[in-house]
Protein backbone atom coordinates (compact mmCIF):
# COMPACT_ATOMS: atom_id res chain seq x y z
CA MET A 1 -28.04 8.28 1.79
CA SER A 2 -26.70 11.81 1.71
CA GLN A 3 -23.90 13.27 -0.34
CA GLU A 4 -21.87 13.89 2.81
CA PHE A 5 -22.05 10.21 3.73
CA VAL A 6 -20.93 9.10 0.26
CA ILE A 7 -18.04 11.56 0.25
CA SER A 8 -17.06 10.48 3.77
CA MET A 9 -17.01 6.80 2.82
CA ALA A 10 -15.04 7.52 -0.36
CA GLU A 11 -12.55 9.56 1.66
CA LYS A 12 -12.18 6.74 4.19
CA GLY A 13 -11.68 4.25 1.34
CA VAL A 14 -8.95 6.28 -0.32
CA PHE A 15 -7.24 6.84 3.03
CA ALA A 16 -7.40 3.09 3.78
CA VAL A 17 -5.80 2.27 0.42
CA LEU A 18 -3.01 4.79 1.03
CA VAL A 19 -2.35 3.52 4.55
CA ILE A 20 -2.36 -0.12 3.48
CA ALA A 21 -0.19 0.32 0.37
CA GLY A 22 2.06 2.99 1.88
CA PRO A 23 4.64 0.84 3.66
CA LEU A 24 5.21 -1.37 0.62
CA LEU A 25 5.52 1.64 -1.69
CA VAL A 26 7.95 3.41 0.64
CA ILE A 27 10.13 0.30 0.89
CA ALA A 28 10.13 -0.17 -2.90
CA LEU A 29 10.99 3.50 -3.33
CA GLY A 30 13.86 3.32 -0.84
CA ILE A 31 15.31 0.17 -2.36
CA GLY A 32 14.95 1.60 -5.87
CA LEU A 33 16.74 4.78 -4.83
CA ALA A 34 19.57 2.83 -3.20
CA VAL A 35 19.99 0.61 -6.26
CA SER A 36 19.95 3.64 -8.56
CA ILE A 37 22.66 5.35 -6.51
CA PHE A 38 24.68 2.12 -6.56
CA GLN A 39 24.28 1.80 -10.32
CA ALA A 40 25.26 5.43 -10.91
CA THR A 41 28.30 5.08 -8.66
CA THR A 42 29.60 1.85 -10.14
CA GLN A 43 28.33 2.45 -13.71
CA ILE A 44 26.71 -0.98 -13.77
CA GLN A 45 23.68 -0.66 -16.03
CA GLU A 46 22.14 -4.09 -15.63
CA GLN A 47 18.35 -3.83 -15.87
CA THR A 48 17.58 -6.83 -13.68
CA LEU A 49 19.62 -5.31 -10.85
CA ALA A 50 16.89 -2.73 -10.35
CA PHE A 51 14.02 -5.23 -10.10
CA VAL A 52 15.29 -8.18 -8.08
CA PRO A 53 16.08 -6.26 -4.85
CA LYS A 54 12.73 -4.45 -5.04
CA ILE A 55 10.83 -7.72 -5.45
CA VAL A 56 12.67 -9.30 -2.53
CA GLY A 57 12.21 -6.22 -0.36
CA VAL A 58 8.49 -5.96 -1.09
CA LEU A 59 7.99 -9.67 -0.39
CA VAL A 60 9.79 -9.36 2.96
CA ALA A 61 7.76 -6.26 3.78
CA LEU A 62 4.58 -8.10 2.83
CA ILE A 63 5.48 -10.86 5.27
CA VAL A 64 6.26 -8.33 8.00
CA PHE A 65 3.34 -5.93 7.40
CA GLY A 66 0.86 -8.52 6.11
CA PRO A 67 -1.00 -9.16 9.38
CA TRP A 68 -1.30 -5.43 10.08
CA MET A 69 -2.53 -4.77 6.53
CA LEU A 70 -5.08 -7.57 6.82
CA SER A 71 -6.42 -6.31 10.14
CA HIS A 72 -6.75 -2.79 8.72
CA MET A 73 -8.63 -4.12 5.68
CA LEU A 74 -10.92 -6.22 7.87
CA SER A 75 -11.75 -3.29 10.13
CA PHE A 76 -12.60 -1.14 7.11
CA ALA A 77 -14.73 -3.92 5.62
CA SER A 78 -16.58 -4.42 8.91
CA GLU A 79 -17.21 -0.66 9.04
CA ILE A 80 -18.68 -0.77 5.53
CA PHE A 81 -20.85 -3.80 6.34
CA GLY A 82 -21.90 -2.16 9.61
CA ASN A 83 -23.19 0.83 7.63
CA LEU A 84 -24.86 -1.32 4.99
CA HIS A 85 -28.33 -0.28 6.09
CA ARG A 86 -27.42 3.34 5.28
CA PHE A 87 -26.45 2.39 1.72
CA VAL A 88 -29.74 0.70 0.85
CA GLY A 89 -32.20 2.98 2.66
């Protein structure tokens, strides 16, 4: 097992995490920004107003993007298990 292989697998792992978590993080960021603008405009400073829409939005996004995220994770896991002989030898 060479250093290049280890670095390549670590790079693929980090990229997979970013790709899988990216849509949920972008949706939470967008909803948080919209709620913050709404709160600044209306001067409503209720703390729960910031969390409830984000939770609902992320749950809806998880339902929508869930199958895609799962297939991406499974393909990465099968790639790792396919290269298992390179890890041990």
